[in-house]
Amino acid sequence: TADIVNFSTSCLFELIKRNIPIVLLGGGFDEVSLSRVDIDLEQASYELTHYLLGRGYHRFLYLSGLKEASTFKRRIVGFQKAMAEAGYSVVDDQIIETHPDIDGGYEETRRIFSEKRNASEVVLCVNDFMAFGVLKAMKELQLRVPEDVGVVGFDDISFASMAGVPITTVHIPVDELAQKGINMLCRQIEGQASGMSNAVQVEFVPTHLIVRNSTA
């Protein structure tokens, strides 16, 4: 899978140099154009934010990983787009850069809500692991979810539905993503074997919102 945070593009260039067929899953790289099976993260984040606005949430806290990483940047753009269309401006301290894991979600939530208990009405996390950390912090701070603060994740990992408060999230069809990637890679291999040049292809798989008890 493509992750600009943990993957060196030099590896890609080495594979390209060796003429090895490549298909990226879940993202791409600005430095090189390659075939990929992707998720429209911007649209998914837009639809999630639009839904929350419709539920009456207006004061948002957005917990992100590295903002310049493509996988997080696209989510942030979707969030900002939905907020702008609804007439709300997004200030810098609404989007917090932290580790995209349980500890990152926990530590930032403890810090922010310890300083101001009504810091926001809902916390959006770029993945479900961060949301687990937020739930842990909320429990320690004796803030009720969703009565006092809503919590939202992203990815719909298997444990999201089994958290202390089941998490509202965006479902990513990983099996479909993988199958489309395999099919695309097989077409590349077949094309290379027959002497055909492989044009860059991009396919998207749809996501859908999963509403659970962590939001009102």
N, C-alpha and C. Protein backbone atom coordinates (compact mmCIF):
# COMPACT_ATOMS: atom_id res chain seq x y z
N THR A 1 0.85 -1.19 0.00
CA THR A 1 0.00 0.00 0.00
C THR A 1 0.87 1.23 0.00
N ALA A 2 0.32 2.33 -0.54
CA ALA A 2 1.09 3.57 -0.65
C ALA A 2 0.92 4.40 0.60
N ASP A 3 2.03 4.70 1.26
CA ASP A 3 1.99 5.54 2.47
C ASP A 3 3.24 6.39 2.45
N ILE A 4 3.08 7.66 2.14
CA ILE A 4 4.23 8.56 1.97
C ILE A 4 5.00 8.76 3.27
N VAL A 5 4.38 8.44 4.42
CA VAL A 5 5.05 8.61 5.70
C VAL A 5 6.09 7.52 5.92
N ASN A 6 5.75 6.29 5.55
CA ASN A 6 6.59 5.15 5.91
C ASN A 6 7.29 4.49 4.74
N PHE A 7 7.15 5.03 3.54
CA PHE A 7 7.68 4.37 2.36
C PHE A 7 8.59 5.31 1.59
N SER A 8 9.75 4.84 1.25
CA SER A 8 10.68 5.66 0.49
C SER A 8 10.42 5.49 -1.00
N THR A 9 10.27 6.61 -1.70
CA THR A 9 10.01 6.54 -3.14
C THR A 9 11.21 5.96 -3.89
N SER A 10 12.37 5.93 -3.27
CA SER A 10 13.53 5.33 -3.93
C SER A 10 13.28 3.85 -4.22
N CYS A 11 12.48 3.20 -3.36
CA CYS A 11 12.12 1.79 -3.60
C CYS A 11 11.29 1.66 -4.87
N LEU A 12 10.36 2.60 -5.06
CA LEU A 12 9.55 2.58 -6.27
C LEU A 12 10.41 2.76 -7.52
N PHE A 13 11.32 3.72 -7.47
CA PHE A 13 12.15 3.97 -8.64
C PHE A 13 13.03 2.76 -8.97
N GLU A 14 13.43 2.03 -7.95
CA GLU A 14 14.22 0.82 -8.18
C GLU A 14 13.38 -0.24 -8.88
N LEU A 15 12.10 -0.38 -8.45
CA LEU A 15 11.20 -1.34 -9.10
C LEU A 15 10.92 -0.94 -10.54
N ILE A 16 10.71 0.36 -10.76
CA ILE A 16 10.47 0.85 -12.12
C ILE A 16 11.68 0.59 -13.00
N LYS A 17 12.88 0.84 -12.45
CA LYS A 17 14.13 0.62 -13.19
C LYS A 17 14.25 -0.84 -13.63
N ARG A 18 13.76 -1.74 -12.79
CA ARG A 18 13.83 -3.17 -13.11
C ARG A 18 12.65 -3.65 -13.94
N ASN A 19 11.78 -2.71 -14.32
CA ASN A 19 10.62 -3.02 -15.16
C ASN A 19 9.69 -4.04 -14.49
N ILE A 20 9.51 -3.90 -13.20
CA ILE A 20 8.62 -4.78 -12.45
C ILE A 20 7.23 -4.15 -12.38
N PRO A 21 6.17 -4.88 -12.74
CA PRO A 21 4.81 -4.32 -12.68
C PRO A 21 4.46 -3.86 -11.27
N ILE A 22 3.82 -2.69 -11.17
CA ILE A 22 3.50 -2.09 -9.88
C ILE A 22 2.07 -1.58 -9.89
N VAL A 23 1.34 -1.87 -8.82
CA VAL A 23 0.02 -1.28 -8.59
C VAL A 23 0.00 -0.80 -7.14
N LEU A 24 -0.31 0.46 -6.94
CA LEU A 24 -0.41 1.01 -5.60
C LEU A 24 -1.85 0.88 -5.08
N LEU A 25 -1.96 0.64 -3.79
CA LEU A 25 -3.28 0.53 -3.17
C LEU A 25 -3.47 1.68 -2.17
N GLY A 26 -4.56 2.40 -2.33
CA GLY A 26 -4.94 3.39 -1.34
C GLY A 26 -4.18 4.69 -1.37
N GLY A 27 -3.58 5.03 -2.50
CA GLY A 27 -2.88 6.31 -2.59
C GLY A 27 -1.82 6.29 -3.66
N GLY A 28 -1.22 7.45 -3.89
CA GLY A 28 -0.17 7.57 -4.89
C GLY A 28 0.93 8.48 -4.41
N PHE A 29 1.87 8.77 -5.28
CA PHE A 29 3.00 9.63 -4.97
C PHE A 29 3.09 10.73 -6.01
N ASP A 30 3.37 11.94 -5.57
CA ASP A 30 3.49 13.06 -6.49
C ASP A 30 4.68 12.90 -7.43
N GLU A 31 5.70 12.19 -6.96
CA GLU A 31 6.95 12.10 -7.72
C GLU A 31 6.85 11.21 -8.95
N VAL A 32 5.87 10.32 -8.99
CA VAL A 32 5.81 9.35 -10.08
C VAL A 32 4.35 8.96 -10.33
N SER A 33 4.02 8.75 -11.60
CA SER A 33 2.67 8.35 -11.98
C SER A 33 2.63 6.84 -12.19
N LEU A 34 1.86 6.15 -11.34
CA LEU A 34 1.75 4.70 -11.41
C LEU A 34 0.28 4.29 -11.32
N SER A 35 -0.01 3.12 -11.82
CA SER A 35 -1.37 2.60 -11.71
C SER A 35 -1.71 2.40 -10.24
N ARG A 36 -2.97 2.63 -9.90
CA ARG A 36 -3.37 2.47 -8.51
C ARG A 36 -4.85 2.18 -8.39
N VAL A 37 -5.20 1.53 -7.29
CA VAL A 37 -6.60 1.39 -6.88
C VAL A 37 -6.72 2.22 -5.62
N ASP A 38 -7.63 3.16 -5.64
CA ASP A 38 -7.63 4.20 -4.61
C ASP A 38 -9.01 4.37 -4.00
N ILE A 39 -9.04 5.18 -2.95
CA ILE A 39 -10.27 5.58 -2.27
C ILE A 39 -10.34 7.09 -2.37
N ASP A 40 -11.50 7.62 -2.64
CA ASP A 40 -11.65 9.07 -2.71
C ASP A 40 -11.77 9.60 -1.28
N LEU A 41 -10.61 9.75 -0.63
CA LEU A 41 -10.59 10.16 0.77
C LEU A 41 -11.18 11.55 0.97
N GLU A 42 -10.95 12.43 0.00
CA GLU A 42 -11.51 13.79 0.10
C GLU A 42 -13.04 13.74 0.13
N GLN A 43 -13.62 12.97 -0.78
CA GLN A 43 -15.08 12.88 -0.84
C GLN A 43 -15.64 12.18 0.40
N ALA A 44 -14.96 11.15 0.87
CA ALA A 44 -15.42 10.43 2.05
C ALA A 44 -15.43 11.34 3.27
N SER A 45 -14.36 12.13 3.43
CA SER A 45 -14.28 13.05 4.55
C SER A 45 -15.32 14.17 4.41
N TYR A 46 -15.53 14.62 3.18
CA TYR A 46 -16.55 15.63 2.92
C TYR A 46 -17.94 15.12 3.34
N GLU A 47 -18.28 13.92 2.93
CA GLU A 47 -19.60 13.36 3.24
C GLU A 47 -19.77 13.14 4.74
N LEU A 48 -18.71 12.70 5.40
CA LEU A 48 -18.76 12.51 6.85
C LEU A 48 -19.01 13.85 7.55
N THR A 49 -18.26 14.87 7.18
CA THR A 49 -18.41 16.18 7.80
C THR A 49 -19.80 16.76 7.52
N HIS A 50 -20.26 16.59 6.29
CA HIS A 50 -21.60 17.07 5.91
C HIS A 50 -22.67 16.41 6.77
N TYR A 51 -22.52 15.11 7.00
CA TYR A 51 -23.47 14.39 7.85
C TYR A 51 -23.47 14.96 9.27
N LEU A 52 -22.29 15.18 9.82
CA LEU A 52 -22.18 15.69 11.19
C LEU A 52 -22.76 17.09 11.31
N LEU A 53 -22.52 17.91 10.31
CA LEU A 53 -23.12 19.25 10.32
C LEU A 53 -24.64 19.15 10.32
N GLY A 54 -25.16 18.21 9.57
CA GLY A 54 -26.60 18.00 9.53
C GLY A 54 -27.17 17.51 10.84
N ARG A 55 -26.32 16.87 11.65
CA ARG A 55 -26.76 16.39 12.96
C ARG A 55 -26.66 17.48 14.03
N GLY A 56 -26.20 18.67 13.63
CA GLY A 56 -26.15 19.79 14.57
C GLY A 56 -24.80 20.10 15.16
N TYR A 57 -23.77 19.36 14.75
CA TYR A 57 -22.42 19.66 15.23
C TYR A 57 -21.86 20.85 14.44
N HIS A 58 -21.28 21.79 15.17
CA HIS A 58 -20.71 22.97 14.51
C HIS A 58 -19.27 23.26 14.95
N ARG A 59 -18.92 22.87 16.17
CA ARG A 59 -17.56 23.12 16.68
C ARG A 59 -16.78 21.81 16.62
N PHE A 60 -15.83 21.74 15.70
CA PHE A 60 -15.10 20.52 15.41
C PHE A 60 -13.66 20.60 15.89
N LEU A 61 -13.13 19.47 16.34
CA LEU A 61 -11.70 19.30 16.55
C LEU A 61 -11.27 18.16 15.63
N TYR A 62 -10.24 18.41 14.80
CA TYR A 62 -9.80 17.43 13.83
C TYR A 62 -8.41 16.94 14.22
N LEU A 63 -8.30 15.66 14.54
CA LEU A 63 -7.01 15.06 14.90
C LEU A 63 -6.44 14.34 13.69
N SER A 64 -5.29 14.82 13.22
CA SER A 64 -4.69 14.29 12.01
C SER A 64 -3.30 13.74 12.29
N GLY A 65 -2.82 12.93 11.37
CA GLY A 65 -1.41 12.58 11.36
C GLY A 65 -0.65 13.71 10.67
N LEU A 66 0.49 13.40 10.11
CA LEU A 66 1.30 14.39 9.41
C LEU A 66 0.47 15.05 8.31
N LYS A 67 0.26 16.36 8.41
CA LYS A 67 -0.67 17.06 7.51
C LYS A 67 -0.23 17.01 6.05
N GLU A 68 1.08 16.91 5.81
CA GLU A 68 1.58 16.90 4.44
C GLU A 68 1.54 15.51 3.81
N ALA A 69 1.24 14.49 4.60
CA ALA A 69 1.10 13.14 4.04
C ALA A 69 -0.18 13.08 3.22
N SER A 70 -0.08 12.56 2.02
CA SER A 70 -1.22 12.56 1.10
C SER A 70 -2.47 11.95 1.71
N THR A 71 -2.32 10.84 2.41
CA THR A 71 -3.48 10.14 2.96
C THR A 71 -4.23 10.98 3.98
N PHE A 72 -3.53 11.85 4.70
CA PHE A 72 -4.19 12.73 5.67
C PHE A 72 -4.61 14.05 5.03
N LYS A 73 -3.79 14.55 4.12
CA LYS A 73 -4.09 15.83 3.47
C LYS A 73 -5.43 15.77 2.74
N ARG A 74 -5.69 14.67 2.05
CA ARG A 74 -6.94 14.55 1.29
C ARG A 74 -8.15 14.53 2.22
N ARG A 75 -8.01 13.90 3.39
CA ARG A 75 -9.11 13.91 4.36
C ARG A 75 -9.38 15.33 4.86
N ILE A 76 -8.31 16.06 5.15
CA ILE A 76 -8.44 17.43 5.66
C ILE A 76 -9.12 18.33 4.63
N VAL A 77 -8.75 18.18 3.37
CA VAL A 77 -9.35 18.99 2.31
C VAL A 77 -10.86 18.75 2.25
N GLY A 78 -11.28 17.50 2.35
CA GLY A 78 -12.71 17.19 2.34
C GLY A 78 -13.44 17.81 3.52
N PHE A 79 -12.82 17.75 4.69
CA PHE A 79 -13.38 18.38 5.90
C PHE A 79 -13.52 19.88 5.69
N GLN A 80 -12.47 20.53 5.22
CA GLN A 80 -12.49 21.98 5.02
C GLN A 80 -13.53 22.39 3.97
N LYS A 81 -13.67 21.60 2.93
CA LYS A 81 -14.63 21.89 1.88
C LYS A 81 -16.06 21.87 2.42
N ALA A 82 -16.40 20.84 3.20
CA ALA A 82 -17.74 20.75 3.76
C ALA A 82 -18.01 21.88 4.73
N MET A 83 -17.02 22.22 5.54
CA MET A 83 -17.19 23.32 6.50
C MET A 83 -17.40 24.65 5.77
N ALA A 84 -16.61 24.89 4.72
CA ALA A 84 -16.73 26.14 3.97
C ALA A 84 -18.09 26.26 3.31
N GLU A 85 -18.58 25.16 2.74
CA GLU A 85 -19.88 25.19 2.08
C GLU A 85 -21.00 25.48 3.08
N ALA A 86 -20.81 25.07 4.33
CA ALA A 86 -21.81 25.31 5.37
C ALA A 86 -21.66 26.69 6.01
N GLY A 87 -20.63 27.42 5.58
CA GLY A 87 -20.44 28.77 6.09
C GLY A 87 -19.59 28.88 7.33
N TYR A 88 -18.80 27.83 7.62
CA TYR A 88 -17.95 27.84 8.81
C TYR A 88 -16.49 27.90 8.39
N SER A 89 -15.74 28.77 9.02
CA SER A 89 -14.30 28.84 8.75
C SER A 89 -13.57 27.85 9.65
N VAL A 90 -12.45 27.35 9.17
CA VAL A 90 -11.63 26.40 9.93
C VAL A 90 -10.34 27.12 10.32
N VAL A 91 -10.11 27.27 11.61
CA VAL A 91 -8.89 27.93 12.09
C VAL A 91 -7.82 26.87 12.35
N ASP A 92 -6.56 27.34 12.42
CA ASP A 92 -5.43 26.42 12.52
C ASP A 92 -5.51 25.49 13.72
N ASP A 93 -5.98 26.01 14.87
CA ASP A 93 -5.96 25.16 16.07
C ASP A 93 -7.11 24.17 16.11
N GLN A 94 -7.93 24.13 15.06
CA GLN A 94 -8.95 23.09 14.96
C GLN A 94 -8.39 21.79 14.40
N ILE A 95 -7.29 21.89 13.66
CA ILE A 95 -6.67 20.72 13.04
C ILE A 95 -5.34 20.47 13.73
N ILE A 96 -5.27 19.39 14.49
CA ILE A 96 -4.10 19.08 15.31
C ILE A 96 -3.31 17.94 14.68
N GLU A 97 -2.02 18.15 14.51
CA GLU A 97 -1.12 17.13 13.98
C GLU A 97 -0.53 16.33 15.14
N THR A 98 -0.72 15.03 15.12
CA THR A 98 -0.20 14.18 16.18
C THR A 98 0.07 12.79 15.63
N HIS A 99 0.49 11.87 16.47
CA HIS A 99 0.71 10.49 16.01
C HIS A 99 -0.64 9.84 15.69
N PRO A 100 -0.78 9.24 14.52
CA PRO A 100 -2.07 8.67 14.12
C PRO A 100 -2.31 7.29 14.75
N ASP A 101 -2.30 7.26 16.08
CA ASP A 101 -2.50 6.00 16.79
C ASP A 101 -3.26 6.27 18.09
N ILE A 102 -3.43 5.23 18.90
CA ILE A 102 -4.20 5.36 20.14
C ILE A 102 -3.57 6.41 21.06
N ASP A 103 -2.25 6.37 21.21
CA ASP A 103 -1.57 7.31 22.10
C ASP A 103 -1.74 8.75 21.62
N GLY A 104 -1.64 8.97 20.31
CA GLY A 104 -1.81 10.31 19.77
C GLY A 104 -3.19 10.87 20.05
N GLY A 105 -4.22 10.05 19.83
CA GLY A 105 -5.59 10.49 20.11
C GLY A 105 -5.82 10.75 21.58
N TYR A 106 -5.26 9.88 22.42
CA TYR A 106 -5.43 10.02 23.87
C TYR A 106 -4.73 11.27 24.40
N GLU A 107 -3.48 11.44 24.03
CA GLU A 107 -2.68 12.54 24.60
C GLU A 107 -3.22 13.91 24.19
N GLU A 108 -3.57 14.07 22.93
CA GLU A 108 -4.08 15.37 22.48
C GLU A 108 -5.45 15.67 23.09
N THR A 109 -6.28 14.64 23.21
CA THR A 109 -7.60 14.86 23.81
C THR A 109 -7.47 15.24 25.28
N ARG A 110 -6.59 14.56 26.01
CA ARG A 110 -6.35 14.91 27.42
C ARG A 110 -5.86 16.35 27.53
N ARG A 111 -4.93 16.71 26.67
CA ARG A 111 -4.36 18.06 26.74
C ARG A 111 -5.41 19.13 26.45
N ILE A 112 -6.12 18.95 25.37
CA ILE A 112 -7.07 19.98 24.91
C ILE A 112 -8.27 20.11 25.84
N PHE A 113 -8.85 18.99 26.22
CA PHE A 113 -10.07 19.05 27.02
C PHE A 113 -9.78 19.26 28.50
N SER A 114 -8.55 19.04 28.93
CA SER A 114 -8.17 19.40 30.30
C SER A 114 -8.10 20.92 30.44
N GLU A 115 -7.67 21.58 29.38
CA GLU A 115 -7.59 23.03 29.39
C GLU A 115 -8.97 23.67 29.25
N LYS A 116 -9.83 23.04 28.46
CA LYS A 116 -11.16 23.60 28.21
C LYS A 116 -12.13 22.46 27.94
N ARG A 117 -13.02 22.19 28.89
CA ARG A 117 -13.88 21.01 28.81
C ARG A 117 -14.85 21.05 27.63
N ASN A 118 -15.20 22.25 27.19
CA ASN A 118 -16.09 22.35 26.03
C ASN A 118 -15.32 22.82 24.79
N ALA A 119 -14.12 22.28 24.63
CA ALA A 119 -13.25 22.69 23.52
C ALA A 119 -13.90 22.46 22.16
N SER A 120 -14.71 21.43 22.02
CA SER A 120 -15.41 21.17 20.77
C SER A 120 -16.62 20.29 21.04
N GLU A 121 -17.49 20.21 20.04
CA GLU A 121 -18.68 19.37 20.16
C GLU A 121 -18.43 17.97 19.63
N VAL A 122 -17.46 17.83 18.74
CA VAL A 122 -17.17 16.53 18.15
C VAL A 122 -15.69 16.47 17.77
N VAL A 123 -15.10 15.31 17.97
CA VAL A 123 -13.69 15.08 17.61
C VAL A 123 -13.64 14.14 16.42
N LEU A 124 -13.09 14.63 15.31
CA LEU A 124 -12.90 13.81 14.12
C LEU A 124 -11.48 13.27 14.12
N CYS A 125 -11.34 11.98 13.93
CA CYS A 125 -10.02 11.33 13.90
C CYS A 125 -9.78 10.74 12.51
N VAL A 126 -8.53 10.77 12.06
CA VAL A 126 -8.24 10.26 10.72
C VAL A 126 -8.20 8.74 10.66
N ASN A 127 -8.29 8.08 11.80
CA ASN A 127 -8.47 6.63 11.80
C ASN A 127 -9.12 6.19 13.11
N ASP A 128 -9.55 4.95 13.15
CA ASP A 128 -10.26 4.44 14.32
C ASP A 128 -9.35 4.27 15.53
N PHE A 129 -8.07 3.99 15.30
CA PHE A 129 -7.16 3.83 16.44
C PHE A 129 -7.09 5.12 17.26
N MET A 130 -7.00 6.25 16.57
CA MET A 130 -7.00 7.53 17.28
C MET A 130 -8.30 7.70 18.07
N ALA A 131 -9.41 7.28 17.47
CA ALA A 131 -10.70 7.41 18.14
C ALA A 131 -10.74 6.59 19.44
N PHE A 132 -10.08 5.42 19.45
CA PHE A 132 -9.99 4.63 20.69
C PHE A 132 -9.30 5.44 21.78
N GLY A 133 -8.22 6.13 21.40
CA GLY A 133 -7.52 6.97 22.36
C GLY A 133 -8.37 8.11 22.87
N VAL A 134 -9.16 8.69 21.98
CA VAL A 134 -10.06 9.78 22.38
C VAL A 134 -11.09 9.26 23.38
N LEU A 135 -11.65 8.10 23.13
CA LEU A 135 -12.64 7.52 24.05
C LEU A 135 -12.03 7.29 25.43
N LYS A 136 -10.80 6.79 25.45
CA LYS A 136 -10.12 6.56 26.72
C LYS A 136 -9.96 7.87 27.49
N ALA A 137 -9.52 8.93 26.79
CA ALA A 137 -9.33 10.23 27.44
C ALA A 137 -10.66 10.79 27.93
N MET A 138 -11.70 10.67 27.14
CA MET A 138 -13.01 11.18 27.54
C MET A 138 -13.51 10.49 28.81
N LYS A 139 -13.27 9.21 28.91
CA LYS A 139 -13.69 8.47 30.09
C LYS A 139 -12.95 8.97 31.32
N GLU A 140 -11.65 9.19 31.21
CA GLU A 140 -10.85 9.68 32.33
C GLU A 140 -11.26 11.10 32.73
N LEU A 141 -11.65 11.89 31.75
CA LEU A 141 -12.06 13.27 32.01
C LEU A 141 -13.52 13.36 32.44
N GLN A 142 -14.19 12.21 32.48
CA GLN A 142 -15.60 12.14 32.85
C GLN A 142 -16.48 12.98 31.93
N LEU A 143 -16.14 12.92 30.65
CA LEU A 143 -16.96 13.51 29.60
C LEU A 143 -17.71 12.38 28.89
N ARG A 144 -19.00 12.56 28.74
CA ARG A 144 -19.83 11.49 28.16
C ARG A 144 -19.81 11.56 26.63
N VAL A 145 -19.74 10.38 26.03
CA VAL A 145 -19.80 10.25 24.58
C VAL A 145 -21.07 9.47 24.24
N PRO A 146 -21.99 10.05 23.45
CA PRO A 146 -21.89 11.29 22.68
C PRO A 146 -22.58 12.49 23.36
N GLU A 147 -23.07 12.33 24.58
CA GLU A 147 -23.87 13.39 25.18
C GLU A 147 -23.11 14.71 25.32
N ASP A 148 -21.84 14.62 25.73
CA ASP A 148 -21.02 15.83 25.89
C ASP A 148 -20.18 16.11 24.64
N VAL A 149 -19.60 15.07 24.09
CA VAL A 149 -18.72 15.22 22.91
C VAL A 149 -18.91 14.01 22.00
N GLY A 150 -19.09 14.26 20.71
CA GLY A 150 -19.13 13.17 19.74
C GLY A 150 -17.72 12.76 19.35
N VAL A 151 -17.56 11.52 18.95
CA VAL A 151 -16.26 11.00 18.52
C VAL A 151 -16.45 10.22 17.22
N VAL A 152 -15.58 10.50 16.25
CA VAL A 152 -15.70 9.87 14.93
C VAL A 152 -14.34 9.33 14.50
N GLY A 153 -14.34 8.14 13.93
CA GLY A 153 -13.12 7.54 13.39
C GLY A 153 -13.14 7.50 11.88
N PHE A 154 -12.30 6.64 11.33
CA PHE A 154 -12.20 6.48 9.87
C PHE A 154 -11.54 5.13 9.61
N ASP A 155 -12.06 4.36 8.70
CA ASP A 155 -11.54 3.06 8.25
C ASP A 155 -12.49 1.92 8.56
N ASP A 156 -13.22 1.99 9.68
CA ASP A 156 -14.11 0.91 10.12
C ASP A 156 -13.35 -0.40 10.31
N ILE A 157 -12.30 -0.36 11.14
CA ILE A 157 -11.59 -1.60 11.48
C ILE A 157 -12.52 -2.48 12.31
N SER A 158 -12.20 -3.74 12.45
CA SER A 158 -13.12 -4.71 13.05
C SER A 158 -13.51 -4.36 14.47
N PHE A 159 -12.61 -3.71 15.23
CA PHE A 159 -12.91 -3.42 16.63
C PHE A 159 -13.72 -2.14 16.82
N ALA A 160 -13.95 -1.38 15.75
CA ALA A 160 -14.67 -0.11 15.89
C ALA A 160 -16.09 -0.32 16.43
N SER A 161 -16.70 -1.44 16.06
CA SER A 161 -18.06 -1.71 16.51
C SER A 161 -18.09 -2.29 17.92
N MET A 162 -16.91 -2.66 18.45
CA MET A 162 -16.86 -3.30 19.76
C MET A 162 -16.22 -2.43 20.83
N ALA A 163 -15.97 -1.16 20.51
CA ALA A 163 -15.40 -0.25 21.50
C ALA A 163 -16.39 -0.02 22.63
N GLY A 164 -15.90 0.55 23.74
CA GLY A 164 -16.79 0.84 24.86
C GLY A 164 -18.00 1.62 24.42
N VAL A 165 -17.78 2.59 23.54
CA VAL A 165 -18.86 3.25 22.81
C VAL A 165 -18.60 2.97 21.33
N PRO A 166 -19.45 2.16 20.68
CA PRO A 166 -19.22 1.85 19.27
C PRO A 166 -19.04 3.12 18.43
N ILE A 167 -18.05 3.09 17.54
CA ILE A 167 -17.56 4.30 16.88
C ILE A 167 -18.23 4.53 15.52
N THR A 168 -18.74 5.74 15.34
CA THR A 168 -19.16 6.20 14.02
C THR A 168 -17.91 6.37 13.17
N THR A 169 -17.95 5.85 11.94
CA THR A 169 -16.73 5.81 11.14
C THR A 169 -17.06 5.73 9.66
N VAL A 170 -16.05 5.70 8.84
CA VAL A 170 -16.20 5.54 7.39
C VAL A 170 -15.66 4.16 7.01
N HIS A 171 -16.49 3.36 6.39
CA HIS A 171 -16.07 2.01 6.02
C HIS A 171 -15.28 2.02 4.72
N ILE A 172 -14.10 1.43 4.77
CA ILE A 172 -13.28 1.23 3.58
C ILE A 172 -13.31 -0.25 3.22
N PRO A 173 -13.79 -0.59 2.03
CA PRO A 173 -13.90 -2.01 1.63
C PRO A 173 -12.53 -2.58 1.25
N VAL A 174 -11.78 -3.01 2.25
CA VAL A 174 -10.40 -3.46 2.04
C VAL A 174 -10.34 -4.65 1.09
N ASP A 175 -11.28 -5.59 1.23
CA ASP A 175 -11.26 -6.77 0.37
C ASP A 175 -11.43 -6.38 -1.10
N GLU A 176 -12.35 -5.46 -1.36
CA GLU A 176 -12.57 -5.01 -2.74
C GLU A 176 -11.35 -4.26 -3.26
N LEU A 177 -10.75 -3.44 -2.39
CA LEU A 177 -9.54 -2.71 -2.76
C LEU A 177 -8.44 -3.68 -3.19
N ALA A 178 -8.24 -4.72 -2.37
CA ALA A 178 -7.20 -5.70 -2.66
C ALA A 178 -7.50 -6.48 -3.93
N GLN A 179 -8.76 -6.89 -4.12
CA GLN A 179 -9.12 -7.67 -5.30
C GLN A 179 -8.93 -6.87 -6.58
N LYS A 180 -9.35 -5.62 -6.56
CA LYS A 180 -9.16 -4.77 -7.75
C LYS A 180 -7.67 -4.56 -8.02
N GLY A 181 -6.89 -4.45 -6.95
CA GLY A 181 -5.44 -4.28 -7.12
C GLY A 181 -4.81 -5.51 -7.75
N ILE A 182 -5.22 -6.69 -7.30
CA ILE A 182 -4.70 -7.94 -7.86
C ILE A 182 -5.07 -8.07 -9.33
N ASN A 183 -6.34 -7.75 -9.63
CA ASN A 183 -6.79 -7.84 -11.03
C ASN A 183 -6.00 -6.90 -11.93
N MET A 184 -5.75 -5.67 -11.44
CA MET A 184 -5.00 -4.70 -12.23
C MET A 184 -3.56 -5.16 -12.43
N LEU A 185 -2.97 -5.71 -11.36
CA LEU A 185 -1.59 -6.19 -11.46
C LEU A 185 -1.50 -7.36 -12.44
N CYS A 186 -2.47 -8.25 -12.41
CA CYS A 186 -2.47 -9.38 -13.35
C CYS A 186 -2.55 -8.89 -14.79
N ARG A 187 -3.37 -7.86 -15.03
CA ARG A 187 -3.46 -7.30 -16.38
C ARG A 187 -2.13 -6.71 -16.82
N GLN A 188 -1.43 -6.08 -15.88
CA GLN A 188 -0.11 -5.53 -16.20
C GLN A 188 0.88 -6.63 -16.57
N ILE A 189 0.87 -7.69 -15.78
CA ILE A 189 1.79 -8.81 -16.03
C ILE A 189 1.49 -9.46 -17.38
N GLU A 190 0.21 -9.64 -17.67
CA GLU A 190 -0.18 -10.24 -18.95
C GLU A 190 0.20 -9.33 -20.11
N GLY A 191 0.01 -8.03 -19.92
CA GLY A 191 0.36 -7.09 -20.97
C GLY A 191 1.86 -7.07 -21.22
N GLN A 192 2.63 -7.13 -20.15
CA GLN A 192 4.09 -7.13 -20.30
C GLN A 192 4.56 -8.40 -21.00
N ALA A 193 3.92 -9.53 -20.66
CA ALA A 193 4.31 -10.82 -21.26
C ALA A 193 4.01 -10.85 -22.75
N SER A 194 2.97 -10.12 -23.18
CA SER A 194 2.59 -10.11 -24.60
C SER A 194 3.26 -8.99 -25.37
N GLY A 195 4.13 -8.23 -24.67
CA GLY A 195 4.86 -7.17 -25.33
C GLY A 195 4.11 -5.86 -25.46
N MET A 196 2.97 -5.76 -24.80
CA MET A 196 2.18 -4.53 -24.86
C MET A 196 2.66 -3.55 -23.79
N SER A 197 2.53 -2.25 -24.08
CA SER A 197 2.88 -1.25 -23.09
C SER A 197 1.67 -1.04 -22.16
N ASN A 198 1.94 -0.91 -20.88
CA ASN A 198 0.88 -0.75 -19.90
C ASN A 198 0.63 0.72 -19.60
N ALA A 199 -0.54 1.21 -19.97
CA ALA A 199 -0.91 2.59 -19.66
C ALA A 199 -1.25 2.69 -18.17
N VAL A 200 -1.03 3.86 -17.61
CA VAL A 200 -1.37 4.09 -16.21
C VAL A 200 -2.88 4.04 -16.04
N GLN A 201 -3.34 3.25 -15.06
CA GLN A 201 -4.77 3.12 -14.78
C GLN A 201 -5.04 3.54 -13.34
N VAL A 202 -6.21 4.13 -13.14
CA VAL A 202 -6.65 4.50 -11.79
C VAL A 202 -8.10 4.06 -11.60
N GLU A 203 -8.35 3.29 -10.57
CA GLU A 203 -9.71 2.86 -10.23
C GLU A 203 -9.99 3.25 -8.78
N PHE A 204 -11.25 3.60 -8.52
CA PHE A 204 -11.66 3.95 -7.17
C PHE A 204 -12.68 2.95 -6.64
N VAL A 205 -12.62 2.70 -5.35
CA VAL A 205 -13.65 1.89 -4.69
C VAL A 205 -14.44 2.82 -3.77
N PRO A 206 -15.75 2.61 -3.67
CA PRO A 206 -16.58 3.52 -2.87
C PRO A 206 -16.47 3.22 -1.37
N THR A 207 -16.66 4.27 -0.57
CA THR A 207 -16.74 4.12 0.88
C THR A 207 -18.17 4.41 1.31
N HIS A 208 -18.51 4.08 2.56
CA HIS A 208 -19.82 4.50 3.06
C HIS A 208 -19.75 4.73 4.56
N LEU A 209 -20.59 5.64 5.02
CA LEU A 209 -20.63 6.04 6.41
C LEU A 209 -21.30 4.97 7.26
N ILE A 210 -20.69 4.68 8.42
CA ILE A 210 -21.27 3.77 9.39
C ILE A 210 -21.58 4.58 10.65
N VAL A 211 -22.86 4.73 10.96
CA VAL A 211 -23.28 5.52 12.12
C VAL A 211 -23.47 4.60 13.31
N ARG A 212 -22.75 4.92 14.41
CA ARG A 212 -22.88 4.13 15.64
C ARG A 212 -23.12 5.08 16.82
N ASN A 213 -22.91 4.58 18.02
CA ASN A 213 -23.32 5.32 19.22
C ASN A 213 -22.42 6.46 19.65
N SER A 214 -21.27 6.64 18.99
CA SER A 214 -20.34 7.68 19.44
C SER A 214 -20.72 9.08 18.96
N THR A 215 -21.77 9.17 18.16
CA THR A 215 -22.29 10.47 17.73
C THR A 215 -23.79 10.53 18.03
N ALA A 216 -24.27 11.74 18.28
CA ALA A 216 -25.69 11.93 18.60
C ALA A 216 -26.55 11.83 17.36
